[in-house]
């Protein structure tokens, strides 16, 4: 079959997932850029801010498990729509909070509950719409929306927060929550117009439908996609624990980069507000390259005849080595040594790690659809999301505790944090390899 005659509607679906993920991370990133403003205005400590982000991460993680199972049951179309609607409303509601930390904890926790559905729904959608060999690339493309969302937030939030709105009636930080939250509701129109499952999508050709299902994993009842699979059964598989450990050890790195880079720029280089817009925009822009290139990286080995899962694990090993450069962040970020160029050198190192994380993320998500039948993908992704969230909570609390403990020497706090991040991936890959040393798909669900 000639590939260009297959059809391309599946890439329209990836575009929808890309924009939902962009909105997801733009809304998520708002609180990080507002930290200096809210901390100065209301006297928050670093631990106070860590408490807000940790509670968000905890609820996000805890509900991801349920979200994955619910999406497996009700389907991706309704599941992602409900998720995005809820988080958008909760994001806007954050604008009504005052200075009390507990108010932000409550609202950001509810916000996290809403955001929990995005990745289980997106990964399941990719599994439904793509053959295995294209899933990492498709995941890399939609996952790059995380970086685009962070880039938009880097430009938009400082500008919104720097002004008052409606003749001074609305403070800038409140407007940042309102504006970014409202954008998600527009996406819903396109989702309902353009999306359906392959079996129900009238715009999908028979050739493309056949291509999508050309390498499905056999299953005892794979045609019953919405059948509920008990979590306890999923936890009996080493493949589930491989994904769990991989997410637990590495997701916290991305949470750290999302929520604490603005604080790092302020304390390390005395940069904040509009001054950090371009540097952080650059970090997340480079991470897009990592997401897309990393998603396509295993295809280099696949095209040379290597089996898909083996190719993916080999690619992940090479990717896992890149974040080790983070051990040099504080050396290159030494202003006394490198002067005004220090922040540039430090950001180059961080860019490499951010790109590597996104490459890793695109591939680790795809190991689920490599190893499990489609009906289990949402649930297993949710279990991994829980693991990643737990790791994220621990990383947030560690960052808050260290930056308060080293209040007079924040460089030492960030040195420890960057060291933790540097070796997380190679440690995670090693455990994953021990748990699943070779390709062994689950066929008895």
Protein backbone atom coordinates (compact mmCIF):
# COMPACT_ATOMS: atom_id res chain seq x y z
CA UNK A 1 0.00 0.00 0.00
CA UNK A 2 1.39 3.39 -0.97
CA UNK A 3 1.62 5.46 2.16
CA UNK A 4 0.40 8.73 0.63
CA UNK A 5 -2.86 6.97 -0.40
CA UNK A 6 -3.63 5.89 3.14
CA UNK A 7 -5.03 9.24 4.24
CA UNK A 8 -4.00 11.75 6.89
CA UNK A 9 -7.04 12.38 9.07
CA UNK A 10 -5.27 10.85 12.06
CA UNK A 11 -2.94 13.86 12.07
CA UNK A 12 -5.95 16.15 12.48
CA UNK A 13 -6.64 14.26 15.69
CA UNK A 14 -3.06 14.85 16.84
CA UNK A 15 -3.53 18.56 16.17
CA UNK A 16 -6.56 18.59 18.48
CA UNK A 17 -4.56 16.83 21.20
CA UNK A 18 -1.68 19.24 20.67
CA UNK A 19 -3.91 22.24 21.35
CA UNK A 20 -5.57 20.67 24.39
CA UNK A 21 -2.13 19.95 25.86
CA UNK A 22 -1.00 23.49 25.01
CA UNK A 23 -3.97 24.87 26.94
CA UNK A 24 -3.36 22.39 29.77
CA UNK A 25 0.21 23.57 30.35
CA UNK A 26 -0.49 27.25 29.76
CA UNK A 27 -3.11 27.15 32.51
CA UNK A 28 -0.84 25.07 34.74
CA UNK A 29 2.13 27.40 34.32
CA UNK A 30 0.32 30.59 35.37
CA UNK A 31 0.93 30.09 39.10
CA UNK A 32 4.70 29.74 38.60
CA UNK A 33 5.02 33.13 36.91
CA UNK A 34 2.79 34.76 39.51
CA UNK A 35 4.84 33.41 42.44
CA UNK A 36 7.02 36.53 42.85
CA UNK A 37 3.97 38.82 42.67
CA UNK A 38 1.81 36.82 45.08
CA UNK A 39 4.71 36.14 47.44
CA UNK A 40 5.56 39.85 47.67
CA UNK A 41 1.92 40.90 47.91
CA UNK A 42 0.81 38.36 50.51
CA UNK A 43 4.10 37.43 52.22
CA UNK A 44 4.19 33.79 51.12
CA UNK A 45 7.26 31.72 51.95
CA UNK A 46 8.79 29.25 49.51
CA UNK A 47 7.19 26.46 51.51
CA UNK A 48 3.79 28.14 51.17
CA UNK A 49 4.17 28.18 47.40
CA UNK A 50 5.43 24.60 47.45
CA UNK A 51 2.34 23.62 49.43
CA UNK A 52 0.08 25.07 46.72
CA UNK A 53 1.88 23.33 43.87
CA UNK A 54 2.26 20.10 45.85
CA UNK A 55 -1.47 19.90 46.55
CA UNK A 56 -2.20 20.58 42.90
CA UNK A 57 0.24 17.84 41.91
CA UNK A 58 -1.15 15.41 44.49
CA UNK A 59 -4.76 15.80 43.39
CA UNK A 60 -3.72 15.75 39.76
CA UNK A 61 -1.86 12.50 40.35
CA UNK A 62 -4.48 10.84 42.51
CA UNK A 63 -7.33 11.57 40.16
CA UNK A 64 -5.32 10.57 37.07
CA UNK A 65 -5.79 6.94 38.09
CA UNK A 66 -9.56 7.36 38.26
CA UNK A 67 -9.56 9.54 35.15
CA UNK A 68 -7.82 6.84 33.15
CA UNK A 69 -10.35 4.21 34.23
CA UNK A 70 -13.29 6.55 33.61
CA UNK A 71 -12.01 7.44 30.14
CA UNK A 72 -11.59 3.74 29.36
CA UNK A 73 -15.28 3.41 30.28
CA UNK A 74 -16.93 6.53 28.79
CA UNK A 75 -14.58 7.04 25.86
CA UNK A 76 -12.10 9.71 24.84
CA UNK A 77 -14.51 12.19 23.24
CA UNK A 78 -16.61 12.83 26.33
CA UNK A 79 -13.76 12.21 28.77
CA UNK A 80 -11.39 14.86 27.41
CA UNK A 81 -14.23 17.35 26.94
CA UNK A 82 -15.31 17.03 30.59
CA UNK A 83 -11.72 17.25 31.80
CA UNK A 84 -10.90 20.42 29.88
CA UNK A 85 -14.17 22.12 30.78
CA UNK A 86 -13.64 21.53 34.49
CA UNK A 87 -10.01 22.66 34.62
CA UNK A 88 -10.78 25.78 32.57
CA UNK A 89 -13.53 26.85 34.97
CA UNK A 90 -11.36 26.11 38.02
CA UNK A 91 -8.47 28.06 36.47
CA UNK A 92 -10.72 31.09 36.11
CA UNK A 93 -12.03 30.63 39.64
CA UNK A 94 -8.45 31.04 40.93
CA UNK A 95 -8.81 34.75 40.13
CA UNK A 96 -11.32 35.08 42.96
CA UNK A 97 -8.89 33.88 45.63
CA UNK A 98 -7.36 36.30 48.10
CA UNK A 99 -4.05 36.10 49.90
CA UNK A 100 -4.79 33.09 52.08
CA UNK A 101 -2.71 30.11 51.05
CA UNK A 102 -5.51 27.66 51.83
CA UNK A 103 -7.78 29.33 49.24
CA UNK A 104 -5.24 28.76 46.50
CA UNK A 105 -4.61 25.22 47.76
CA UNK A 106 -8.31 24.37 47.44
CA UNK A 107 -8.81 25.90 44.01
CA UNK A 108 -5.55 24.61 42.53
CA UNK A 109 -6.41 21.16 43.88
CA UNK A 110 -9.75 21.27 42.06
CA UNK A 111 -7.90 22.56 39.01
CA UNK A 112 -5.59 19.55 39.25
CA UNK A 113 -8.58 17.21 39.34
CA UNK A 114 -9.73 18.65 36.03
CA UNK A 115 -6.31 18.51 34.39
CA UNK A 116 -5.91 14.85 35.36
CA UNK A 117 -7.89 13.68 32.35
CA UNK A 118 -5.78 15.22 29.61
CA UNK A 119 -2.95 12.70 29.29
CA UNK A 120 -4.92 9.46 29.85
CA UNK A 121 -7.40 10.64 27.20
CA UNK A 122 -4.66 11.77 24.81
CA UNK A 123 -2.58 8.60 25.10
CA UNK A 124 -5.67 6.45 24.63
CA UNK A 125 -6.65 8.55 21.60
CA UNK A 126 -3.21 8.00 20.05
CA UNK A 127 -3.54 4.25 20.69
CA UNK A 128 -6.93 4.27 18.95
CA UNK A 129 -5.82 6.37 16.00
CA UNK A 130 -2.23 5.24 15.22
CA UNK A 131 -0.32 2.03 14.51
CA UNK A 132 2.45 1.29 16.99
CA UNK A 133 5.30 2.51 14.84
CA UNK A 134 3.80 6.02 14.64
CA UNK A 135 2.59 6.35 18.22
CA UNK A 136 5.78 7.80 19.71
CA UNK A 137 5.91 10.44 16.97
CA UNK A 138 2.22 11.28 17.43
CA UNK A 139 2.73 11.42 21.19
CA UNK A 140 5.80 13.60 20.74
CA UNK A 141 3.81 16.03 18.59
CA UNK A 142 0.89 16.43 20.98
CA UNK A 143 3.22 16.35 24.00
CA UNK A 144 5.13 19.29 22.50
CA UNK A 145 2.02 21.28 23.33
CA UNK A 146 3.28 21.21 26.92
CA UNK A 147 6.19 23.35 25.84
CA UNK A 148 4.13 25.61 23.60
CA UNK A 149 1.77 26.20 26.50
CA UNK A 150 4.69 27.06 28.76
CA UNK A 151 6.10 29.36 26.07
CA UNK A 152 2.80 31.20 25.69
CA UNK A 153 2.57 31.54 29.46
CA UNK A 154 6.13 32.92 29.56
CA UNK A 155 5.10 35.74 27.24
CA UNK A 156 1.47 36.24 28.20
CA UNK A 157 1.33 35.98 31.99
CA UNK A 158 4.01 38.63 32.81
CA UNK A 159 2.31 41.06 30.41
CA UNK A 160 -1.13 40.44 31.87
CA UNK A 161 0.19 40.62 35.42
CA UNK A 162 2.09 43.87 34.83
CA UNK A 163 -1.08 45.87 34.22
CA UNK A 164 -4.46 46.47 35.76
CA UNK A 165 -7.56 45.90 33.69
CA UNK A 166 -11.00 47.44 33.18
CA UNK A 167 -10.06 50.85 34.54
CA UNK A 168 -8.10 49.36 37.40
CA UNK A 169 -10.94 47.14 38.61
CA UNK A 170 -9.13 43.86 37.96
CA UNK A 171 -5.57 43.25 39.14
CA UNK A 172 -3.17 41.86 36.58
CA UNK A 173 -2.58 38.56 38.37
CA UNK A 174 -6.31 37.92 38.48
CA UNK A 175 -6.63 38.71 34.79
CA UNK A 176 -3.91 36.14 34.05
CA UNK A 177 -6.09 33.41 35.57
CA UNK A 178 -9.27 34.63 33.87
CA UNK A 179 -7.84 35.02 30.39
CA UNK A 180 -5.91 31.76 30.22
CA UNK A 181 -8.80 29.78 31.70
CA UNK A 182 -11.28 31.11 29.15
CA UNK A 183 -9.19 30.01 26.15
CA UNK A 184 -9.86 26.34 26.82
CA UNK A 185 -13.60 26.71 26.36
CA UNK A 186 -13.04 27.74 22.72
CA UNK A 187 -11.20 24.47 22.03
CA UNK A 188 -14.31 22.48 22.90
CA UNK A 189 -16.04 23.67 19.73
CA UNK A 190 -13.36 22.17 17.49
CA UNK A 191 -13.21 18.97 19.54
CA UNK A 192 -16.91 18.20 19.15
CA UNK A 193 -16.93 19.12 15.46
CA UNK A 194 -13.80 17.23 14.38
CA UNK A 195 -13.35 14.27 16.76
CA UNK A 196 -14.81 10.82 16.93
CA UNK A 197 -13.38 7.33 17.32
CA UNK A 198 -12.06 5.76 14.10
CA UNK A 199 -14.99 3.36 13.85
CA UNK A 200 -17.46 6.28 13.94
CA UNK A 201 -15.45 8.90 12.02
CA UNK A 202 -17.07 9.36 8.58
CA UNK A 203 -14.11 11.39 7.28
CA UNK A 204 -11.76 8.42 7.74
CA UNK A 205 -11.02 6.31 4.67
CA UNK A 206 -11.14 2.52 4.74
CA UNK A 207 -7.45 2.44 3.83
CA UNK A 208 -6.47 4.66 6.75
CA UNK A 209 -8.71 2.68 9.12
CA UNK A 210 -6.95 -0.53 8.07
CA UNK A 211 -3.53 1.09 8.44
CA UNK A 212 -4.36 2.30 11.96
CA UNK A 213 -5.24 -1.25 13.04
CA UNK A 214 -2.45 -2.98 11.11
CA UNK A 215 -0.38 -3.98 14.16
CA UNK A 216 -2.83 -4.17 17.06
CA UNK A 217 -1.88 -6.31 20.04
CA UNK A 218 -4.09 -9.42 20.14
CA UNK A 219 -6.43 -9.51 23.11
CA UNK A 220 -8.98 -11.91 24.48
CA UNK A 221 -11.70 -9.29 23.89
CA UNK A 222 -10.04 -6.39 22.14
CA UNK A 223 -13.25 -5.40 20.44
CA UNK A 224 -14.77 -4.50 23.80
CA UNK A 225 -12.75 -1.31 24.20
CA UNK A 226 -14.79 0.06 27.10
CA UNK A 227 -14.63 -3.03 29.28
CA UNK A 228 -13.52 -2.17 32.79
CA UNK A 229 -10.27 -3.79 33.86
CA UNK A 230 -9.62 -3.99 37.64
CA UNK A 231 -6.57 -2.00 38.71
CA UNK A 232 -5.50 -4.83 40.98
CA UNK A 233 -5.14 -7.03 37.91
CA UNK A 234 -3.08 -4.40 36.08
CA UNK A 235 -0.78 -4.15 39.11
CA UNK A 236 0.12 -7.83 38.79
CA UNK A 237 2.08 -7.11 35.61
CA UNK A 238 5.76 -6.13 35.65
CA UNK A 239 5.01 -3.98 32.60
CA UNK A 240 2.71 -1.78 34.72
CA UNK A 241 5.38 -1.39 37.39
CA UNK A 242 7.99 -0.53 34.78
CA UNK A 243 5.85 2.39 33.63
CA UNK A 244 5.03 3.30 37.25
CA UNK A 245 8.69 3.51 38.28
CA UNK A 246 9.71 5.36 35.14
CA UNK A 247 7.10 8.05 35.72
CA UNK A 248 7.71 8.26 39.47
CA UNK A 249 11.41 8.95 39.10
CA UNK A 250 11.28 11.41 36.19
CA UNK A 251 8.02 13.39 36.23
CA UNK A 252 9.17 15.41 39.23
CA UNK A 253 11.95 16.89 37.11
CA UNK A 254 9.43 18.48 34.76
CA UNK A 255 7.26 19.70 37.63
CA UNK A 256 10.38 21.32 39.07
CA UNK A 257 11.24 23.03 35.78
CA UNK A 258 7.67 24.25 35.35
CA UNK A 259 7.09 25.72 38.78
CA UNK A 260 10.56 26.69 40.00
CA UNK A 261 12.48 28.09 37.01
CA UNK A 262 11.01 31.60 37.52
CA UNK A 263 12.14 31.47 41.16
CA UNK A 264 15.56 30.16 40.12
CA UNK A 265 16.00 33.02 37.63
CA UNK A 266 15.13 35.56 40.29
CA UNK A 267 17.42 34.18 42.99
CA UNK A 268 20.33 33.16 40.78
CA UNK A 269 20.38 36.09 38.34
CA UNK A 270 18.05 38.68 39.91
CA UNK A 271 15.66 38.40 36.94
CA UNK A 272 11.87 38.49 37.18
CA UNK A 273 8.75 39.81 35.48
CA UNK A 274 9.22 40.68 31.84
CA UNK A 275 12.99 40.10 32.11
CA UNK A 276 12.51 36.32 32.27
CA UNK A 277 10.07 36.15 29.36
CA UNK A 278 12.59 35.51 26.59
CA UNK A 279 14.91 33.14 28.54
CA UNK A 280 12.08 30.85 29.65
CA UNK A 281 10.38 31.12 26.27
CA UNK A 282 13.62 29.79 24.82
CA UNK A 283 13.82 26.87 27.27
CA UNK A 284 10.36 25.61 26.40
CA UNK A 285 10.91 26.30 22.71
CA UNK A 286 13.96 24.07 22.65
CA UNK A 287 11.99 21.43 24.57
CA UNK A 288 9.58 21.25 21.62
CA UNK A 289 12.45 20.03 19.47
CA UNK A 290 13.15 17.34 22.03
CA UNK A 291 9.52 16.24 22.12
CA UNK A 292 9.08 15.87 18.37
CA UNK A 293 12.60 14.61 17.60
CA UNK A 294 12.51 12.25 20.58
CA UNK A 295 9.17 10.87 19.46
CA UNK A 296 10.61 10.07 16.05
CA UNK A 297 13.99 8.86 17.35
CA UNK A 298 13.01 5.17 17.75
CA UNK A 299 11.97 5.07 14.08
CA UNK A 300 15.65 5.42 13.15
CA UNK A 301 16.31 2.03 14.75
CA UNK A 302 12.98 0.56 13.58
CA UNK A 303 13.82 1.43 9.98
CA UNK A 304 17.07 -0.50 10.41
CA UNK A 305 15.06 -3.60 11.25
CA UNK A 306 14.99 -3.41 15.06
CA UNK A 307 11.84 -4.56 16.85
CA UNK A 308 9.68 -1.60 18.02
CA UNK A 309 9.99 -1.98 21.79
CA UNK A 310 13.71 -2.71 21.65
CA UNK A 311 14.20 0.36 19.46
CA UNK A 312 12.24 2.47 21.92
CA UNK A 313 14.26 1.30 24.91
CA UNK A 314 17.53 1.92 23.09
CA UNK A 315 16.40 5.43 22.22
CA UNK A 316 15.33 6.04 25.83
CA UNK A 317 18.75 4.94 27.10
CA UNK A 318 20.50 7.52 24.93
CA UNK A 319 17.96 10.16 25.94
CA UNK A 320 18.43 9.33 29.64
CA UNK A 321 22.11 10.23 29.44
CA UNK A 322 21.48 13.84 28.35
CA UNK A 323 20.04 15.26 31.63
CA UNK A 324 23.31 14.42 33.39
CA UNK A 325 24.55 17.77 32.05
CA UNK A 326 22.44 19.38 34.80
CA UNK A 327 25.26 18.74 37.26
CA UNK A 328 27.06 21.65 35.54
CA UNK A 329 24.17 24.14 35.85
CA UNK A 330 25.44 25.97 38.91
CA UNK A 331 28.99 26.08 37.59
CA UNK A 332 27.93 27.80 34.38
CA UNK A 333 25.43 29.90 36.32
CA UNK A 334 28.16 31.42 38.49
CA UNK A 335 27.89 35.18 37.90
CA UNK A 336 31.23 35.81 39.59
CA UNK A 337 32.90 33.50 37.09
CA UNK A 338 31.00 34.23 33.86
CA UNK A 339 29.50 37.67 34.48
CA UNK A 340 26.46 38.67 32.46
CA UNK A 341 26.79 35.58 30.29
CA UNK A 342 26.22 33.23 33.22
CA UNK A 343 22.46 33.04 32.80
CA UNK A 344 22.89 32.19 29.10
CA UNK A 345 25.27 29.32 29.85
CA UNK A 346 23.02 28.00 32.62
CA UNK A 347 19.99 28.16 30.35
CA UNK A 348 21.78 26.22 27.62
CA UNK A 349 22.31 23.37 30.09
CA UNK A 350 18.68 23.56 31.24
CA UNK A 351 17.51 23.60 27.60
CA UNK A 352 19.31 20.31 26.96
CA UNK A 353 17.66 18.72 29.99
CA UNK A 354 14.21 20.09 29.14
CA UNK A 355 14.47 18.75 25.59
CA UNK A 356 15.64 15.39 26.91
CA UNK A 357 12.71 15.20 29.31
CA UNK A 358 10.21 15.78 26.54
CA UNK A 359 11.91 13.18 24.35
CA UNK A 360 11.78 10.74 27.27
CA UNK A 361 8.14 11.59 27.96
CA UNK A 362 7.05 10.93 24.37
CA UNK A 363 8.63 7.48 24.51
CA UNK A 364 7.71 6.36 28.01
CA UNK A 365 4.05 7.11 27.34
CA UNK A 366 4.23 5.03 24.19
CA UNK A 367 5.61 1.99 26.03
CA UNK A 368 2.07 1.59 27.43
CA UNK A 369 0.47 1.17 24.00
CA UNK A 370 3.43 -1.02 22.97
CA UNK A 371 2.75 -3.46 25.78
CA UNK A 372 -0.99 -3.26 26.55
CA UNK A 373 -4.16 -3.68 24.47
CA UNK A 374 -6.07 -0.49 23.70
CA UNK A 375 -8.79 -1.08 26.27
CA UNK A 376 -6.20 -0.94 29.09
CA UNK A 377 -4.17 2.04 27.88
CA UNK A 378 -6.18 4.72 29.71
CA UNK A 379 -6.07 2.83 33.02
CA UNK A 380 -2.34 2.06 32.85
CA UNK A 381 -1.58 5.64 31.83
CA UNK A 382 -3.58 6.80 34.83
CA UNK A 383 -1.59 4.54 37.15
CA UNK A 384 1.61 6.02 35.71
CA UNK A 385 0.19 9.49 36.14
CA UNK A 386 -0.36 8.74 39.82
CA UNK A 387 3.25 7.63 40.12
CA UNK A 388 4.53 10.72 38.33
CA UNK A 389 2.38 12.92 40.51
CA UNK A 390 3.74 11.36 43.69
CA UNK A 391 7.23 12.04 42.42
CA UNK A 392 6.16 15.55 41.55
CA UNK A 393 4.76 16.19 45.02
CA UNK A 394 7.98 15.02 46.65
CA UNK A 395 10.02 17.22 44.31
CA UNK A 396 7.86 20.29 45.06
CA UNK A 397 8.17 19.76 48.80
CA UNK A 398 11.91 19.18 48.51
CA UNK A 399 12.30 22.39 46.50
CA UNK A 400 10.31 24.39 49.03
CA UNK A 401 12.17 22.94 52.01
CA UNK A 402 15.63 23.40 50.47
CA UNK A 403 15.04 26.97 49.27
CA UNK A 404 13.79 27.93 52.73
CA UNK A 405 16.57 26.03 54.52
CA UNK A 406 19.19 27.72 52.31
CA UNK A 407 17.40 31.06 52.26
CA UNK A 408 20.66 32.97 52.47
CA UNK A 409 22.38 30.70 49.98
CA UNK A 410 19.80 29.61 47.37
CA UNK A 411 22.58 28.55 44.99
CA UNK A 412 23.29 25.56 47.24
CA UNK A 413 19.62 24.60 47.31
CA UNK A 414 19.42 24.62 43.54
CA UNK A 415 22.68 22.71 43.22
CA UNK A 416 21.14 19.84 45.19
CA UNK A 417 17.93 20.00 43.15
CA UNK A 418 19.78 19.91 39.84
CA UNK A 419 21.85 16.95 41.04
CA UNK A 420 18.67 15.01 41.85
CA UNK A 421 17.28 15.78 38.41
CA UNK A 422 20.50 14.91 36.59
CA UNK A 423 20.53 11.21 37.43
CA UNK A 424 16.79 10.52 37.62
CA UNK A 425 16.44 9.26 34.05
CA UNK A 426 19.32 6.81 33.87
CA UNK A 427 18.21 5.38 37.23
CA UNK A 428 14.63 5.05 35.95
CA UNK A 429 15.72 3.41 32.69
CA UNK A 430 17.82 0.85 34.56
CA UNK A 431 14.90 -0.24 36.73
CA UNK A 432 12.54 -0.35 33.74
CA UNK A 433 15.01 -2.57 31.88
CA UNK A 434 15.26 -4.96 34.82
CA UNK A 435 11.47 -5.22 35.08
CA UNK A 436 10.88 -5.66 31.34
CA UNK A 437 14.14 -6.89 29.79
CA UNK A 438 12.54 -7.72 26.46
CA UNK A 439 9.32 -7.14 24.53
CA UNK A 440 6.48 -9.04 26.18
CA UNK A 441 3.04 -7.62 25.34
CA UNK A 442 0.03 -8.32 27.52
CA UNK A 443 -2.42 -10.57 25.68
CA UNK A 444 -4.61 -12.03 28.45
CA UNK A 445 -6.76 -9.00 29.32
